[in-house]
Protein backbone atom coordinates (compact mmCIF):
# COMPACT_ATOMS: atom_id res chain seq x y z
CA MET A 1 104.73 92.82 142.61
CA LEU A 2 108.49 92.13 142.41
CA HIS A 3 108.67 91.96 146.19
CA ASN A 4 106.25 88.97 146.23
CA ARG A 5 108.38 86.98 143.75
CA LYS A 6 111.61 86.91 145.81
CA PRO A 7 110.53 84.24 148.34
CA GLY A 8 109.18 82.04 145.54
CA LEU A 9 112.37 82.44 143.52
CA LEU A 10 114.47 81.67 146.58
CA LEU A 11 112.41 78.53 147.23
CA LEU A 12 112.81 77.57 143.57
CA LEU A 13 116.59 77.54 144.10
CA ILE A 14 116.81 76.13 147.61
CA VAL A 15 114.42 73.18 147.31
CA PRO A 16 116.15 71.51 144.31
CA ALA A 17 119.58 72.12 145.84
CA ALA A 18 118.50 70.60 149.15
CA LEU A 19 116.93 67.63 147.35
CA PHE A 20 120.13 67.09 145.35
CA VAL A 21 122.26 67.09 148.52
CA TYR A 22 119.83 64.77 150.30
CA LEU A 23 119.81 62.25 147.44
CA SER A 24 123.59 62.44 147.02
CA THR A 25 124.55 61.58 150.60
CA ARG A 26 124.35 57.96 151.62
CA PRO A 27 125.17 56.18 154.87
CA HIS A 28 128.23 53.97 154.57
CA PHE A 29 128.71 51.12 157.06
CA ARG A 30 132.01 49.46 157.93
CA LEU A 31 132.94 47.00 160.62
CA ARG A 32 134.85 48.57 163.49
CA ALA A 33 138.58 48.00 163.26
CA ASN A 34 138.63 47.08 166.95
CA MET A 35 137.30 43.62 167.59
CA PRO A 36 134.30 43.61 169.97
CA PRO A 37 135.14 41.95 173.31
CA GLN A 38 132.23 39.49 172.96
CA PHE A 39 133.80 38.12 169.75
CA VAL A 40 136.63 36.41 171.65
CA ASP A 41 135.69 32.93 172.84
CA ILE A 42 137.95 32.06 175.77
CA PRO A 43 136.97 29.16 178.02
CA ALA A 44 136.85 29.97 181.73
CA SER A 45 139.39 27.24 182.45
CA ALA A 46 141.95 28.64 180.00
CA GLY A 47 145.45 29.33 181.22
CA PRO A 48 147.45 32.46 180.29
CA LYS A 49 149.05 30.89 177.20
CA GLN A 50 145.74 29.51 175.94
CA ARG A 51 144.08 32.90 176.54
CA GLU A 52 146.79 34.64 174.54
CA ALA A 53 146.55 32.11 171.71
CA GLU A 54 142.74 32.41 171.65
CA GLU A 55 142.90 36.22 171.54
CA ARG A 56 145.37 36.02 168.67
CA LEU A 57 143.12 33.56 166.80
CA ALA A 58 140.06 35.74 167.37
CA GLN A 59 141.95 38.78 166.09
CA GLU A 60 142.90 36.91 162.93
CA TYR A 61 139.29 35.91 162.30
CA TRP A 62 138.18 39.49 162.96
CA SER A 63 140.78 40.71 160.44
CA CYS A 64 139.34 38.26 157.93
CA ALA A 65 135.87 39.66 158.62
CA LEU A 66 137.23 43.19 158.06
CA THR A 67 139.08 42.46 154.84
CA VAL A 68 136.84 39.88 153.17
CA ILE A 69 133.47 39.19 154.77
CA GLN A 70 132.13 42.74 155.17
CA TRP A 71 132.52 43.33 151.41
CA LYS A 72 130.72 40.10 150.55
CA TYR A 73 127.92 40.48 153.12
CA PRO A 74 127.14 44.15 153.78
CA TYR A 75 125.54 45.64 156.86
CA GLY A 76 122.02 44.44 157.57
CA LEU A 77 122.41 41.24 155.56
CA GLN A 78 122.10 38.01 157.57
CA LEU A 79 125.21 35.84 157.39
CA PRO A 80 124.74 32.29 156.07
CA ASP A 81 124.67 29.35 158.49
CA SER A 82 127.97 27.87 157.38
CA PRO A 83 131.16 29.88 156.89
CA PRO A 84 132.14 30.73 153.32
CA GLU A 85 135.41 29.41 151.95
CA GLN A 86 137.02 32.86 152.32
CA PHE A 87 136.54 32.87 156.10
CA ARG A 88 139.91 31.28 156.86
CA VAL A 89 143.01 32.01 158.84
CA TYR A 90 146.40 30.46 158.45
CA THR A 91 147.96 30.37 161.86
CA GLU A 92 150.27 28.08 163.72
CA LEU A 93 148.37 25.95 166.20
CA ALA A 94 149.35 25.97 169.84
CA PRO A 95 150.03 22.49 171.30
CA GLY A 96 146.82 20.93 172.59
CA SER A 97 144.51 23.34 170.78
CA GLU A 98 141.57 22.36 168.63
CA PRO A 99 141.87 22.01 164.83
CA ILE A 100 141.47 25.12 162.66
CA SER A 101 138.25 23.76 161.08
CA SER A 102 136.39 23.67 164.41
CA SER A 103 137.69 27.09 165.45
CA ARG A 104 136.63 28.38 162.03
CA VAL A 105 133.03 27.28 162.62
CA ARG A 106 133.11 28.50 166.21
CA TYR A 107 134.30 31.97 165.19
CA TRP A 108 131.83 32.08 162.32
CA HIS A 109 129.05 31.64 164.88
CA ARG A 110 130.64 34.36 167.03
CA LEU A 111 130.70 36.65 163.99
CA GLN A 112 127.02 35.92 163.33
CA ARG A 113 126.22 37.07 166.89
CA VAL A 114 127.99 40.43 166.59
CA TRP A 115 127.23 41.04 162.89
CA LEU A 116 123.81 42.64 163.31
CA GLN A 117 124.73 44.63 166.42
CA PRO A 118 124.98 48.35 165.56
CA SER A 119 127.88 48.65 168.02
CA SER A 120 129.99 46.46 165.69
CA TRP A 121 129.71 49.00 162.88
CA VAL A 122 130.88 52.53 162.15
CA THR A 123 128.58 54.74 160.09
CA SER A 124 129.71 57.62 157.92
CA GLN A 125 128.12 59.69 155.17
CA THR A 126 129.52 59.43 151.65
CA TRP A 127 128.88 61.52 148.59
CA SER A 128 127.54 59.68 145.55
CA THR A 129 125.69 60.91 142.51
CA ASP A 130 125.08 57.38 141.20
CA TRP A 131 121.35 57.94 141.53
CA LEU A 132 121.75 60.58 138.83
CA THR A 133 124.18 58.86 136.46
CA LYS A 134 123.06 55.20 136.64
CA PRO A 135 119.69 55.70 134.90
CA PHE A 136 121.43 57.49 132.01
CA ALA A 137 124.07 54.77 131.74
CA LYS A 138 121.40 52.05 131.75
CA THR A 139 119.40 53.90 129.08
CA LEU A 140 122.48 54.36 126.88
CA ASN A 141 123.40 50.70 127.33
CA TRP A 142 119.85 49.62 126.43
CA MET A 143 119.86 51.86 123.33
CA ASP A 144 123.25 50.51 122.25
CA ASN A 145 122.05 46.90 122.61
CA TYR A 146 118.75 47.68 120.86
CA PHE A 147 120.36 49.31 117.83
CA THR A 148 123.16 46.70 117.66
CA ASN A 149 120.56 43.92 117.56
CA LEU A 150 118.49 45.87 115.02
CA ILE A 151 121.50 46.23 112.70
CA ARG A 152 122.38 42.53 113.04
CA ARG A 153 118.86 41.51 112.11
CA GLY A 154 118.57 44.01 109.29
C-alpha cells in the first residue's frame, strides 16, 4: 500500500515545482548591439569619405534605437509610420550631405525594415515571479481604495 503512494507523492511535488519554474521564466528580447549590415544606407555612387560619414550616421541612429526606441516599442510591436521625437542624433554634418531631418526619416524607415526581423534581436530567459505577486498587489490596492472611499463616504 505504501509502495503505491510514492509515485503519486513524487508527482505531487514535481508537477507544481515544474509549473512554477515554467511560469517564472520569460523570454526577454533586446536589439543586437551590433548594427545589422542592411541598416546602413550607402548610395552606390558614394566615395570613401561619404561612406565613412554614412556608416557613422547609421551607427548613431542604431545607438538611438538601442538606448531609446527598443524600450518604447518592444519586440513584436510595429513601429509607427513617422519617427518619434526621441529618434534623433546630434552629429556634425559632412559638407554636401543631406540635412539631419531627411536622414532621420530615412533611417527610421531602415529601422522599420529590420525591426521585425528575428536576426535583429537577441533572446534570453529571465526569471520573474510577477505573475505571482501582481494579482496580490492589485487586490491589496483595490481593497485599500475600496475601504478609503467607504470611510470618506461614511
